[in-house]
Each structure stands twice: as structure tokens, then as C-alpha cells.
PDB file of N, CA and C in Angstrom:
ATOM      1  N   MET A   1     290.447  -3.675 127.456  1.00  0.00           N
ATOM      2  CA  MET A   1     291.602  -4.454 127.828  1.00  0.00           C
ATOM      3  C   MET A   1     292.337  -3.709 128.934  1.00  0.00           C
ATOM      4  N   LYS A   2     292.922  -4.464 129.826  1.00  0.00           N
ATOM      5  CA  LYS A   2     293.700  -3.889 130.922  1.00  0.00           C
ATOM      6  C   LYS A   2     295.125  -3.589 130.452  1.00  0.00           C
ATOM      7  N   LEU A   3     295.725  -2.581 131.058  1.00  0.00           N
ATOM      8  CA  LEU A   3     297.095  -2.202 130.717  1.00  0.00           C
ATOM      9  C   LEU A   3     298.046  -3.381 130.870  1.00  0.00           C
ATOM     10  N   ARG A   4     297.802  -4.241 131.862  1.00  0.00           N
ATOM     11  CA  ARG A   4     298.704  -5.374 132.103  1.00  0.00           C
ATOM     12  C   ARG A   4     298.794  -6.332 130.906  1.00  0.00           C
ATOM     13  N   THR A   5     297.855  -6.240 129.986  1.00  0.00           N
ATOM     14  CA  THR A   5     297.868  -7.090 128.807  1.00  0.00           C
ATOM     15  C   THR A   5     299.024  -6.741 127.874  1.00  0.00           C
ATOM     16  N   VAL A   6     299.410  -5.458 127.840  1.00  0.00           N
ATOM     17  CA  VAL A   6     300.426  -5.007 126.878  1.00  0.00           C
ATOM     18  C   VAL A   6     301.667  -4.403 127.529  1.00  0.00           C
ATOM     19  N   ALA A   7     301.683  -4.340 128.881  1.00  0.00           N
ATOM     20  CA  ALA A   7     302.810  -3.667 129.531  1.00  0.00           C
ATOM     21  C   ALA A   7     303.065  -4.233 130.924  1.00  0.00           C
ATOM     22  N   HIS A   8     304.235  -3.924 131.442  1.00  0.00           N
ATOM     23  CA  HIS A   8     304.563  -4.226 132.837  1.00  0.00           C
ATOM     24  C   HIS A   8     304.958  -2.917 133.509  1.00  0.00           C
ATOM     25  N   ALA A   9     305.012  -2.917 134.830  1.00  0.00           N
ATOM     26  CA  ALA A   9     305.262  -1.672 135.559  1.00  0.00           C
ATOM     27  C   ALA A   9     306.132  -1.917 136.784  1.00  0.00           C
ATOM     28  N   ARG A  10     306.778  -0.844 137.220  1.00  0.00           N
ATOM     29  CA  ARG A  10     307.579  -0.836 138.444  1.00  0.00           C
ATOM     30  C   ARG A  10     307.252   0.448 139.190  1.00  0.00           C
ATOM     31  N   ALA A  11     307.281   0.379 140.505  1.00  0.00           N
ATOM     32  CA  ALA A  11     306.986   1.567 141.309  1.00  0.00           C
ATOM     33  C   ALA A  11     308.024   1.713 142.406  1.00  0.00           C
ATOM     34  N   GLY A  12     308.215   2.932 142.820  1.00  0.00           N
ATOM     35  CA  GLY A  12     309.103   3.242 143.928  1.00  0.00           C
ATOM     36  C   GLY A  12     308.709   4.590 144.489  1.00  0.00           C
ATOM     37  N   ASP A  13     309.298   4.941 145.602  1.00  0.00           N
ATOM     38  CA  ASP A  13     308.954   6.228 146.193  1.00  0.00           C
ATOM     39  C   ASP A  13     310.117   6.790 146.985  1.00  0.00           C
ATOM     40  N   LYS A  14     310.000   8.065 147.240  1.00  0.00           N
ATOM     41  CA  LYS A  14     310.952   8.780 148.085  1.00  0.00           C
ATOM     42  C   LYS A  14     310.146   9.879 148.761  1.00  0.00           C
ATOM     43  N   GLY A  15     309.930   9.723 150.051  1.00  0.00           N
ATOM     44  CA  GLY A  15     309.126  10.702 150.767  1.00  0.00           C
ATOM     45  C   GLY A  15     307.707  10.710 150.235  1.00  0.00           C
ATOM     46  N   ASN A  16     307.232  11.882 149.860  1.00  0.00           N
ATOM     47  CA  ASN A  16     305.851  11.961 149.375  1.00  0.00           C
ATOM     48  C   ASN A  16     305.747  11.864 147.854  1.00  0.00           C
ATOM     49  N   LEU A  17     306.820  11.538 147.162  1.00  0.00           N
ATOM     50  CA  LEU A  17     306.782  11.349 145.707  1.00  0.00           C
ATOM     51  C   LEU A  17     306.752   9.866 145.370  1.00  0.00           C
ATOM     52  N   VAL A  18     305.892   9.504 144.434  1.00  0.00           N
ATOM     53  CA  VAL A  18     305.803   8.136 143.946  1.00  0.00           C
ATOM     54  C   VAL A  18     306.151   8.149 142.470  1.00  0.00           C
ATOM     55  N   ASN A  19     306.957   7.193 142.062  1.00  0.00           N
ATOM     56  CA  ASN A  19     307.405   7.074 140.687  1.00  0.00           C
ATOM     57  C   ASN A  19     306.901   5.732 140.167  1.00  0.00           C
ATOM     58  N   ILE A  20     306.120   5.753 139.080  1.00  0.00           N
ATOM     59  CA  ILE A  20     305.628   4.511 138.477  1.00  0.00           C
ATOM     60  C   ILE A  20     306.022   4.516 137.001  1.00  0.00           C
ATOM     61  N   SER A  21     306.749   3.487 136.610  1.00  0.00           N
ATOM     62  CA  SER A  21     307.168   3.357 135.216  1.00  0.00           C
ATOM     63  C   SER A  21     306.396   2.227 134.559  1.00  0.00           C
ATOM     64  N   VAL A  22     305.994   2.454 133.318  1.00  0.00           N
ATOM     65  CA  VAL A  22     305.241   1.477 132.534  1.00  0.00           C
ATOM     66  C   VAL A  22     306.027   1.231 131.250  1.00  0.00           C
ATOM     67  N   PHE A  23     306.233  -0.056 130.916  1.00  0.00           N
ATOM     68  CA  PHE A  23     306.994  -0.417 129.725  1.00  0.00           C
ATOM     69  C   PHE A  23     306.183  -1.369 128.859  1.00  0.00           C
ATOM     70  N   ALA A  24     306.082  -1.046 127.588  1.00  0.00           N
ATOM     71  CA  ALA A  24     305.375  -1.926 126.643  1.00  0.00           C
ATOM     72  C   ALA A  24     306.158  -3.220 126.476  1.00  0.00           C
ATOM     73  N   TYR A  25     305.443  -4.336 126.423  1.00  0.00           N
ATOM     74  CA  TYR A  25     306.090  -5.617 126.136  1.00  0.00           C
ATOM     75  C   TYR A  25     306.639  -5.630 124.716  1.00  0.00           C
ATOM     76  N   ARG A  26     305.889  -5.013 123.800  1.00  0.00           N
ATOM     77  CA  ARG A  26     306.285  -4.991 122.389  1.00  0.00           C
ATOM     78  C   ARG A  26     306.437  -3.543 121.933  1.00  0.00           C
ATOM     79  N   ASP A  27     307.468  -3.273 121.178  1.00  0.00           N
ATOM     80  CA  ASP A  27     307.734  -1.918 120.692  1.00  0.00           C
ATOM     81  C   ASP A  27     306.530  -1.318 119.967  1.00  0.00           C
ATOM     82  N   GLU A  28     305.808  -2.143 119.212  1.00  0.00           N
ATOM     83  CA  GLU A  28     304.688  -1.630 118.421  1.00  0.00           C
ATOM     84  C   GLU A  28     303.504  -1.172 119.282  1.00  0.00           C
ATOM     85  N   ASP A  29     303.488  -1.501 120.556  1.00  0.00           N
ATOM     86  CA  ASP A  29     302.409  -1.061 121.446  1.00  0.00           C
ATOM     87  C   ASP A  29     302.710   0.263 122.150  1.00  0.00           C
ATOM     88  N   TYR A  30     303.908   0.765 121.990  1.00  0.00           N
ATOM     89  CA  TYR A  30     304.293   1.999 122.696  1.00  0.00           C
ATOM     90  C   TYR A  30     303.412   3.195 122.308  1.00  0.00           C
ATOM     91  N   ALA A  31     303.127   3.364 121.032  1.00  0.00           N
ATOM     92  CA  ALA A  31     302.297   4.500 120.588  1.00  0.00           C
ATOM     93  C   ALA A  31     300.922   4.456 121.248  1.00  0.00           C
ATOM     94  N   MET A  32     300.376   3.270 121.414  1.00  0.00           N
ATOM     95  CA  MET A  32     299.082   3.140 122.072  1.00  0.00           C
ATOM     96  C   MET A  32     299.190   3.558 123.543  1.00  0.00           C
ATOM     97  N   LEU A  33     300.277   3.209 124.199  1.00  0.00           N
ATOM     98  CA  LEU A  33     300.471   3.628 125.597  1.00  0.00           C
ATOM     99  C   LEU A  33     300.525   5.146 125.696  1.00  0.00           C
ATOM    100  N   VAL A  34     301.264   5.767 124.797  1.00  0.00           N
ATOM    101  CA  VAL A  34     301.370   7.228 124.806  1.00  0.00           C
ATOM    102  C   VAL A  34     299.993   7.866 124.628  1.00  0.00           C
ATOM    103  N   GLU A  35     299.194   7.288 123.762  1.00  0.00           N
ATOM    104  CA  GLU A  35     297.863   7.824 123.471  1.00  0.00           C
ATOM    105  C   GLU A  35     296.877   7.601 124.621  1.00  0.00           C
ATOM    106  N   ARG A  36     296.916   6.435 125.236  1.00  0.00           N
ATOM    107  CA  ARG A  36     295.858   6.055 126.179  1.00  0.00           C
ATOM    108  C   ARG A  36     296.214   6.162 127.662  1.00  0.00           C
ATOM    109  N   VAL A  37     297.492   6.147 127.992  1.00  0.00           N
ATOM    110  CA  VAL A  37     297.893   6.228 129.400  1.00  0.00           C
ATOM    111  C   VAL A  37     298.379   7.654 129.649  1.00  0.00           C
ATOM    112  N   THR A  38     297.427   8.528 129.823  1.00  0.00           N
ATOM    113  CA  THR A  38     297.700   9.960 129.938  1.00  0.00           C
ATOM    114  C   THR A  38     297.795  10.389 131.395  1.00  0.00           C
ATOM    115  N   GLU A  39     298.291  11.599 131.598  1.00  0.00           N
ATOM    116  CA  GLU A  39     298.346  12.173 132.943  1.00  0.00           C
ATOM    117  C   GLU A  39     296.948  12.242 133.554  1.00  0.00           C
ATOM    118  N   GLU A  40     295.980  12.608 132.748  1.00  0.00           N
ATOM    119  CA  GLU A  40     294.604  12.736 133.242  1.00  0.00           C
ATOM    120  C   GLU A  40     294.037  11.387 133.695  1.00  0.00           C
ATOM    121  N   ARG A  41     294.268  10.351 132.908  1.00  0.00           N
ATOM    122  CA  ARG A  41     293.756   9.022 133.259  1.00  0.00           C
ATOM    123  C   ARG A  41     294.432   8.482 134.511  1.00  0.00           C
ATOM    124  N   VAL A  42     295.731   8.700 134.633  1.00  0.00           N
ATOM    125  CA  VAL A  42     296.457   8.230 135.822  1.00  0.00           C
ATOM    126  C   VAL A  42     296.028   9.033 137.047  1.00  0.00           C
ATOM    127  N   ASN A  43     295.825  10.327 136.876  1.00  0.00           N
ATOM    128  CA  ASN A  43     295.344  11.159 137.970  1.00  0.00           C
ATOM    129  C   ASN A  43     293.993  10.650 138.481  1.00  0.00           C
ATOM    130  N   GLU A  44     293.110  10.288 137.568  1.00  0.00           N
ATOM    131  CA  GLU A  44     291.795   9.761 137.949  1.00  0.00           C
ATOM    132  C   GLU A  44     291.928   8.419 138.665  1.00  0.00           C
ATOM    133  N   LEU A  45     292.799   7.554 138.172  1.00  0.00           N
ATOM    134  CA  LEU A  45     292.995   6.239 138.774  1.00  0.00           C
ATOM    135  C   LEU A  45     293.496   6.335 140.215  1.00  0.00           C
ATOM    136  N   PHE A  46     294.378   7.294 140.474  1.00  0.00           N
ATOM    137  CA  PHE A  46     295.009   7.423 141.794  1.00  0.00           C
ATOM    138  C   PHE A  46     294.411   8.555 142.627  1.00  0.00           C
ATOM    139  N   ARG A  47     293.280   9.094 142.218  1.00  0.00           N
ATOM    140  CA  ARG A  47     292.717  10.302 142.829  1.00  0.00           C
ATOM    141  C   ARG A  47     292.580  10.228 144.348  1.00  0.00           C
ATOM    142  N   GLU A  48     292.329   9.063 144.902  1.00  0.00           N
ATOM    143  CA  GLU A  48     292.157   8.935 146.351  1.00  0.00           C
ATOM    144  C   GLU A  48     293.484   8.810 147.087  1.00  0.00           C
ATOM    145  N   LEU A  49     294.572   8.639 146.361  1.00  0.00           N
ATOM    146  CA  LEU A  49     295.868   8.411 146.985  1.00  0.00           C
ATOM    147  C   LEU A  49     296.853   9.558 146.820  1.00  0.00           C
ATOM    148  N   ILE A  50     296.533  10.506 145.931  1.00  0.00           N
ATOM    149  CA  ILE A  50     297.500  11.566 145.648  1.00  0.00           C
ATOM    150  C   ILE A  50     296.901  12.937 145.918  1.00  0.00           C
ATOM    151  N   THR A  51     297.793  13.911 146.046  1.00  0.00           N
ATOM    152  CA  THR A  51     297.351  15.281 146.332  1.00  0.00           C
ATOM    153  C   THR A  51     297.713  16.257 145.234  1.00  0.00           C
ATOM    154  N   GLY A  52     298.735  15.976 144.487  1.00  0.00           N
ATOM    155  CA  GLY A  52     299.190  16.927 143.480  1.00  0.00           C
ATOM    156  C   GLY A  52     298.961  16.410 142.086  1.00  0.00           C
ATOM    157  N   PRO A  53     299.397  17.157 141.117  1.00  0.00           N
ATOM    158  CA  PRO A  53     299.232  16.743 139.723  1.00  0.00           C
ATOM    159  C   PRO A  53     300.139  15.564 139.384  1.00  0.00           C
ATOM    160  N   VAL A  54     299.756  14.838 138.360  1.00  0.00           N
ATOM    161  CA  VAL A  54     300.559  13.744 137.826  1.00  0.00           C
ATOM    162  C   VAL A  54     301.403  14.308 136.692  1.00  0.00           C
ATOM    163  N   THR A  55     302.678  13.963 136.684  1.00  0.00           N
ATOM    164  CA  THR A  55     303.578  14.375 135.606  1.00  0.00           C
ATOM    165  C   THR A  55     304.036  13.134 134.861  1.00  0.00           C
ATOM    166  N   ARG A  56     303.903  13.153 133.532  1.00  0.00           N
ATOM    167  CA  ARG A  56     304.315  12.011 132.705  1.00  0.00           C
ATOM    168  C   ARG A  56     305.549  12.383 131.899  1.00  0.00           C
ATOM    169  N   TYR A  57     306.486  11.453 131.859  1.00  0.00           N
ATOM    170  CA  TYR A  57     307.678  11.590 131.027  1.00  0.00           C
ATOM    171  C   TYR A  57     307.697  10.417 130.054  1.00  0.00           C
ATOM    172  N   CYS A  58     307.840  10.719 128.778  1.00  0.00           N
ATOM    173  CA  CYS A  58     307.913   9.680 127.750  1.00  0.00           C
ATOM    174  C   CYS A  58     309.373   9.298 127.531  1.00  0.00           C
ATOM    175  N   VAL A  59     309.610   8.000 127.439  1.00  0.00           N
ATOM    176  CA  VAL A  59     310.957   7.474 127.227  1.00  0.00           C
ATOM    177  C   VAL A  59     310.896   6.554 126.009  1.00  0.00           C
ATOM    178  N   PRO A  60     310.848   7.144 124.814  1.00  0.00           N
ATOM    179  CA  PRO A  60     310.613   6.343 123.605  1.00  0.00           C
ATOM    180  C   PRO A  60     311.681   5.292 123.322  1.00  0.00           C
ATOM    181  N   ASN A  61     312.923   5.559 123.650  1.00  0.00           N
ATOM    182  CA  ASN A  61     313.975   4.579 123.364  1.00  0.00           C
ATOM    183  C   ASN A  61     313.808   3.298 124.173  1.00  0.00           C
ATOM    184  N   LEU A  62     313.078   3.374 125.285  1.00  0.00           N
ATOM    185  CA  LEU A  62     312.803   2.196 126.112  1.00  0.00           C
ATOM    186  C   LEU A  62     311.347   1.737 125.995  1.00  0.00           C
ATOM    187  N   CYS A  63     310.579   2.414 125.131  1.00  0.00           N
ATOM    188  CA  CYS A  63     309.139   2.139 124.988  1.00  0.00           C
ATOM    189  C   CYS A  63     308.459   2.211 126.344  1.00  0.00           C
ATOM    190  N   GLY A  64     308.805   3.275 127.086  1.00  0.00           N
ATOM    191  CA  GLY A  64     308.269   3.408 128.430  1.00  0.00           C
ATOM    192  C   GLY A  64     307.718   4.788 128.737  1.00  0.00           C
ATOM    193  N   LEU A  65     306.913   4.806 129.790  1.00  0.00           N
ATOM    194  CA  LEU A  65     306.363   6.039 130.339  1.00  0.00           C
ATOM    195  C   LEU A  65     306.727   6.069 131.820  1.00  0.00           C
ATOM    196  N   ASN A  66     307.091   7.224 132.317  1.00  0.00           N
ATOM    197  CA  ASN A  66     307.403   7.379 133.735  1.00  0.00           C
ATOM    198  C   ASN A  66     306.454   8.428 134.312  1.00  0.00           C
ATOM    199  N   PHE A  67     305.765   8.067 135.372  1.00  0.00           N
ATOM    200  CA  PHE A  67     304.815   8.964 136.022  1.00  0.00           C
ATOM    201  C   PHE A  67     305.320   9.319 137.410  1.00  0.00           C
ATOM    202  N   VAL A  68     305.227  10.600 137.748  1.00  0.00           N
ATOM    203  CA  VAL A  68     305.577  11.068 139.089  1.00  0.00           C
ATOM    204  C   VAL A  68     304.299  11.600 139.721  1.00  0.00           C
ATOM    205  N   LEU A  69     303.965  11.067 140.897  1.00  0.00           N
ATOM    206  CA  LEU A  69     302.753  11.434 141.622  1.00  0.00           C
ATOM    207  C   LEU A  69     303.144  11.969 142.993  1.00  0.00           C
ATOM    208  N   GLN A  70     302.382  12.908 143.488  1.00  0.00           N
ATOM    209  CA  GLN A  70     302.607  13.438 144.835  1.00  0.00           C
ATOM    210  C   GLN A  70     301.512  12.929 145.752  1.00  0.00           C
ATOM    211  N   ARG A  71     301.909  12.531 146.955  1.00  0.00           N
ATOM    212  CA  ARG A  71     300.923  12.124 147.946  1.00  0.00           C
ATOM    213  C   ARG A  71     301.132  12.931 149.224  1.00  0.00           C
ATOM    214  N   ARG A  72     300.198  12.795 150.143  1.00  0.00           N
ATOM    215  CA  ARG A  72     300.314  13.524 151.410  1.00  0.00           C
ATOM    216  C   ARG A  72     301.605  13.143 152.115  1.00  0.00           C
ATOM    217  N   SER A  73     302.227  14.093 152.794  1.00  0.00           N
ATOM    218  CA  SER A  73     303.472  13.791 153.507  1.00  0.00           C
ATOM    219  C   SER A  73     303.248  12.751 154.594  1.00  0.00           C
ATOM    220  N   THR A  74     302.043  12.667 155.123  1.00  0.00           N
ATOM    221  CA  THR A  74     301.753  11.661 156.152  1.00  0.00           C
ATOM    222  C   THR A  74     301.682  10.252 155.579  1.00  0.00           C
ATOM    223  N   ASP A  75     301.647  10.117 154.249  1.00  0.00           N
ATOM    224  CA  ASP A  75     301.640   8.805 153.616  1.00  0.00           C
ATOM    225  C   ASP A  75     303.032   8.347 153.197  1.00  0.00           C
ATOM    226  N   SER A  76     304.051   9.131 153.486  1.00  0.00           N
ATOM    227  CA  SER A  76     305.403   8.729 153.103  1.00  0.00           C
ATOM    228  C   SER A  76     305.838   7.554 153.968  1.00  0.00           C
ATOM    229  N   VAL A  77     306.839   6.855 153.498  1.00  0.00           N
ATOM    230  CA  VAL A  77     307.280   5.626 154.161  1.00  0.00           C
ATOM    231  C   VAL A  77     307.704   5.863 155.611  1.00  0.00           C
ATOM    232  N   THR A  78     308.244   7.006 155.914  1.00  0.00           N
ATOM    233  CA  THR A  78     308.725   7.251 157.277  1.00  0.00           C
ATOM    234  C   THR A  78     307.656   7.776 158.216  1.00  0.00           C
ATOM    235  N   ARG A  79     306.484   8.120 157.701  1.00  0.00           N
ATOM    236  CA  ARG A  79     305.441   8.708 158.545  1.00  0.00           C
ATOM    237  C   ARG A  79     304.132   7.929 158.561  1.00  0.00           C
ATOM    238  N   SER A  80     304.045   6.872 157.821  1.00  0.00           N
ATOM    239  CA  SER A  80     302.769   6.171 157.677  1.00  0.00           C
ATOM    240  C   SER A  80     302.761   4.853 158.444  1.00  0.00           C
ATOM    241  N   LEU A  81     301.590   4.474 158.910  1.00  0.00           N
ATOM    242  CA  LEU A  81     301.395   3.164 159.522  1.00  0.00           C
ATOM    243  C   LEU A  81     300.780   2.179 158.530  1.00  0.00           C
ATOM    244  N   ARG A  82     300.657   2.584 157.279  1.00  0.00           N
ATOM    245  CA  ARG A  82     300.082   1.721 156.248  1.00  0.00           C
ATOM    246  C   ARG A  82     300.989   0.518 156.007  1.00  0.00           C
ATOM    247  N   LEU A  83     300.368  -0.605 155.684  1.00  0.00           N
ATOM    248  CA  LEU A  83     301.104  -1.840 155.452  1.00  0.00           C
ATOM    249  C   LEU A  83     302.101  -1.694 154.302  1.00  0.00           C
ATOM    250  N   ASP A  84     301.689  -1.050 153.216  1.00  0.00           N
ATOM    251  CA  ASP A  84     302.571  -0.887 152.060  1.00  0.00           C
ATOM    252  C   ASP A  84     302.938   0.579 151.895  1.00  0.00           C
ATOM    253  N   ALA A  85     303.569   1.124 152.886  1.00  0.00           N
ATOM    254  CA  ALA A  85     303.941   2.539 152.832  1.00  0.00           C
ATOM    255  C   ALA A  85     304.932   2.838 151.712  1.00  0.00           C
ATOM    256  N   HIS A  86     305.674   1.845 151.285  1.00  0.00           N
ATOM    257  CA  HIS A  86     306.642   2.061 150.214  1.00  0.00           C
ATOM    258  C   HIS A  86     305.990   2.267 148.861  1.00  0.00           C
ATOM    259  N   GLY A  87     304.754   1.898 148.708  1.00  0.00           N
ATOM    260  CA  GLY A  87     304.052   2.119 147.448  1.00  0.00           C
ATOM    261  C   GLY A  87     304.377   1.123 146.350  1.00  0.00           C
ATOM    262  N   LYS A  88     305.026   0.017 146.681  1.00  0.00           N
ATOM    263  CA  LYS A  88     305.385  -0.959 145.644  1.00  0.00           C
ATOM    264  C   LYS A  88     304.157  -1.543 144.956  1.00  0.00           C
ATOM    265  N   SER A  89     303.063  -1.691 145.672  1.00  0.00           N
ATOM    266  CA  SER A  89     301.866  -2.283 145.061  1.00  0.00           C
ATOM    267  C   SER A  89     301.144  -1.314 144.134  1.00  0.00           C
ATOM    268  N   LEU A  90     301.561  -0.062 144.091  1.00  0.00           N
ATOM    269  CA  LEU A  90     300.913   0.904 143.208  1.00  0.00           C
ATOM    270  C   LEU A  90     301.099   0.539 141.732  1.00  0.00           C
ATOM    271  N   SER A  91     302.149  -0.204 141.418  1.00  0.00           N
ATOM    272  CA  SER A  91     302.317  -0.639 140.028  1.00  0.00           C
ATOM    273  C   SER A  91     301.201  -1.601 139.640  1.00  0.00           C
ATOM    274  N   SER A  92     300.725  -2.415 140.585  1.00  0.00           N
ATOM    275  CA  SER A  92     299.600  -3.310 140.292  1.00  0.00           C
ATOM    276  C   SER A  92     298.336  -2.522 140.007  1.00  0.00           C
ATOM    277  N   LEU A  93     298.115  -1.464 140.777  1.00  0.00           N
ATOM    278  CA  LEU A  93     296.953  -0.613 140.520  1.00  0.00           C
ATOM    279  C   LEU A  93     297.068   0.031 139.139  1.00  0.00           C
ATOM    280  N   MET A  94     298.241   0.494 138.790  1.00  0.00           N
ATOM    281  CA  MET A  94     298.455   1.098 137.470  1.00  0.00           C
ATOM    282  C   MET A  94     298.109   0.106 136.365  1.00  0.00           C
ATOM    283  N   LEU A  95     298.521  -1.156 136.519  1.00  0.00           N
ATOM    284  CA  LEU A  95     298.272  -2.152 135.490  1.00  0.00           C
ATOM    285  C   LEU A  95     296.808  -2.543 135.371  1.00  0.00           C
ATOM    286  N   SER A  96     295.990  -2.133 136.328  1.00  0.00           N
ATOM    287  CA  SER A  96     294.556  -2.408 136.245  1.00  0.00           C
ATOM    288  C   SER A  96     293.815  -1.363 135.405  1.00  0.00           C
ATOM    289  N   LEU A  97     294.527  -0.338 134.947  1.00  0.00           N
ATOM    290  CA  LEU A  97     293.926   0.709 134.125  1.00  0.00           C
ATOM    291  C   LEU A  97     293.330   0.117 132.845  1.00  0.00           C
ATOM    292  N   GLU A  98     292.098   0.466 132.588  1.00  0.00           N
ATOM    293  CA  GLU A  98     291.417   0.016 131.364  1.00  0.00           C
ATOM    294  C   GLU A  98     291.863   0.876 130.196  1.00  0.00           C
ATOM    295  N   ILE A  99     292.446   0.261 129.189  1.00  0.00           N
ATOM    296  CA  ILE A  99     292.887   1.010 128.011  1.00  0.00           C
ATOM    297  C   ILE A  99     292.112   0.553 126.805  1.00  0.00           C
TER     298      ILE A  99
END
């Protein structure tokens, strides 16, 4: 099953840091997110887009996970010619994760 089946996501960035938050639709699915949406799995999913380690923060009161990813400084919004330099579509990629 894809992550999008049980959760929604939001993404944003500042310079070379990307922040992606994932929230369970139902409180009872949060434990599964914690178990299956790990730093290692997210690092593998974004391996071609990031340069540094992935850091995960658990936010149990909101049934959410927050991931911080580092990318090349040339990919930041002010230095890139990429169509989606802001990284907003990265939440869609996150939701394609097979859990």
C-alpha cells in the first residue's frame, strides 16, 4: 500500500533544507507510520535529490512525522533553474512511498 492511502503530506523549503511533514488521517495509523516511514526509507526514496542525512521528528500529539532533508546548495530556490525549485511537489513523492 502507498503512504497516500493512510496519510497526507506538506512540504516546504528554506535554502538547501527541505521539510516534509506526514500526518496520519486516522490516529490509529500513527504507530504504523512511526514503524514504517523511517529515516532510512525516506533517505532511499530521495537519494537522488539530497546530499545529507535525513532527520525525523515524531509529533505524536498531531499523529505526524516531520522530516528534514538537505540538498545541494545549487538546488535551493534562489540558485536553481528547476521548474519546482521550491520543492512543493516533494510531498507527492513522499506519498508514493510503499509501506
